[in-house]
Amino acid sequence: MADSNATTGELYKAKAILEADVVAAVDAFMADPTTTAFLFGEGYRLDLAEAVSSHEWAKVTVAN
């Protein structure tokens, strides 16, 4: 298992998560932007709402 504090990008580069996991996370956020606990890969969890709100580019992209 990769570092549990790694970013999603780092996990993807390390092949700890798959492109399908990233696509599923995006789909889950778009279906419900208040999603706070998204589980993916082998035991990784991501607060989707926090991830988007704390990333300026993602926040602007979603708003547009």
C-alpha atoms as a PDB file:
ATOM      1  CA  MET A   1       0.000   0.000   0.000  1.00  0.00           C
ATOM      2  CA  ALA A   2       1.283   3.476  -0.880  1.00  0.00           C
ATOM      3  CA  ASP A   3       1.619   6.330   1.627  1.00  0.00           C
ATOM      4  CA  SER A   4      -1.802   7.006   3.163  1.00  0.00           C
ATOM      5  CA  ASN A   5      -1.082  10.757   3.033  1.00  0.00           C
ATOM      6  CA  ALA A   6      -0.306  10.727  -0.689  1.00  0.00           C
ATOM      7  CA  THR A   7      -2.301  12.845  -3.100  1.00  0.00           C
ATOM      8  CA  THR A   8      -4.640  11.205  -5.569  1.00  0.00           C
ATOM      9  CA  GLY A   9      -2.157  12.048  -8.320  1.00  0.00           C
ATOM     10  CA  GLU A  10       0.683  10.404  -6.406  1.00  0.00           C
ATOM     11  CA  LEU A  11      -1.426   7.306  -5.780  1.00  0.00           C
ATOM     12  CA  TYR A  12      -2.278   7.136  -9.476  1.00  0.00           C
ATOM     13  CA  LYS A  13       1.379   7.494 -10.514  1.00  0.00           C
ATOM     14  CA  ALA A  14       2.327   4.772  -8.024  1.00  0.00           C
ATOM     15  CA  LYS A  15      -0.396   2.566  -9.558  1.00  0.00           C
ATOM     16  CA  ALA A  16      -2.057   2.255  -6.150  1.00  0.00           C
ATOM     17  CA  ILE A  17      -5.301   3.445  -7.748  1.00  0.00           C
ATOM     18  CA  LEU A  18      -6.537   3.042 -11.291  1.00  0.00           C
ATOM     19  CA  GLU A  19      -7.886   5.513 -13.821  1.00  0.00           C
ATOM     20  CA  ALA A  20     -11.279   3.895 -13.197  1.00  0.00           C
ATOM     21  CA  ASP A  21     -10.989   4.920  -9.521  1.00  0.00           C
ATOM     22  CA  VAL A  22     -10.348   8.535 -10.508  1.00  0.00           C
ATOM     23  CA  VAL A  23     -13.260   8.491 -12.963  1.00  0.00           C
ATOM     24  CA  ALA A  24     -15.518   7.000 -10.275  1.00  0.00           C
ATOM     25  CA  ALA A  25     -14.490   9.758  -7.836  1.00  0.00           C
ATOM     26  CA  VAL A  26     -15.330  12.451 -10.396  1.00  0.00           C
ATOM     27  CA  ASP A  27     -18.647  10.781 -11.193  1.00  0.00           C
ATOM     28  CA  ALA A  28     -19.483  10.521  -7.482  1.00  0.00           C
ATOM     29  CA  PHE A  29     -18.712  14.199  -6.921  1.00  0.00           C
ATOM     30  CA  MET A  30     -20.754  15.282  -9.933  1.00  0.00           C
ATOM     31  CA  ALA A  31     -23.693  13.171  -8.710  1.00  0.00           C
ATOM     32  CA  ASP A  32     -23.454  14.608  -5.182  1.00  0.00           C
ATOM     33  CA  PRO A  33     -21.045  17.507  -4.509  1.00  0.00           C
ATOM     34  CA  THR A  34     -21.521  17.059  -0.756  1.00  0.00           C
ATOM     35  CA  THR A  35     -19.872  13.603  -0.771  1.00  0.00           C
ATOM     36  CA  THR A  36     -17.392  13.492   2.094  1.00  0.00           C
ATOM     37  CA  ALA A  37     -16.280   9.864   2.256  1.00  0.00           C
ATOM     38  CA  PHE A  38     -15.452   8.288  -1.089  1.00  0.00           C
ATOM     39  CA  LEU A  39     -13.683   4.930  -0.855  1.00  0.00           C
ATOM     40  CA  PHE A  40     -11.440   3.745  -3.689  1.00  0.00           C
ATOM     41  CA  GLY A  41      -8.399   1.636  -4.448  1.00  0.00           C
ATOM     42  CA  GLU A  42      -7.285  -0.643  -1.675  1.00  0.00           C
ATOM     43  CA  GLY A  43      -8.472   1.202   1.398  1.00  0.00           C
ATOM     44  CA  TYR A  44      -8.091   4.842   0.390  1.00  0.00           C
ATOM     45  CA  ARG A  45     -10.667   7.438   1.342  1.00  0.00           C
ATOM     46  CA  LEU A  46     -11.163  10.917  -0.046  1.00  0.00           C
ATOM     47  CA  ASP A  47     -13.408  13.754   1.127  1.00  0.00           C
ATOM     48  CA  LEU A  48     -14.549  14.840  -2.326  1.00  0.00           C
ATOM     49  CA  ALA A  49     -16.299  18.021  -1.174  1.00  0.00           C
ATOM     50  CA  GLU A  50     -13.195  19.177   0.713  1.00  0.00           C
ATOM     51  CA  ALA A  51     -10.841  18.172  -2.084  1.00  0.00           C
ATOM     52  CA  VAL A  52     -12.710  20.295  -4.621  1.00  0.00           C
ATOM     53  CA  SER A  53     -13.290  23.269  -2.317  1.00  0.00           C
ATOM     54  CA  SER A  54      -9.616  23.412  -1.319  1.00  0.00           C
ATOM     55  CA  HIS A  55      -8.310  23.237  -4.895  1.00  0.00           C
ATOM     56  CA  GLU A  56      -8.795  26.557  -6.710  1.00  0.00           C
ATOM     57  CA  TRP A  57      -8.757  25.159 -10.257  1.00  0.00           C
ATOM     58  CA  ALA A  58     -11.255  22.414  -9.396  1.00  0.00           C
ATOM     59  CA  LYS A  59     -13.508  24.875  -7.588  1.00  0.00           C
ATOM     60  CA  VAL A  60     -13.573  27.288 -10.545  1.00  0.00           C
ATOM     61  CA  THR A  61     -14.074  24.444 -13.027  1.00  0.00           C
ATOM     62  CA  VAL A  62     -17.059  23.082 -11.118  1.00  0.00           C
ATOM     63  CA  ALA A  63     -18.557  26.570 -10.764  1.00  0.00           C
ATOM     64  CA  ASN A  64     -18.364  27.093 -14.524  1.00  0.00           C
END
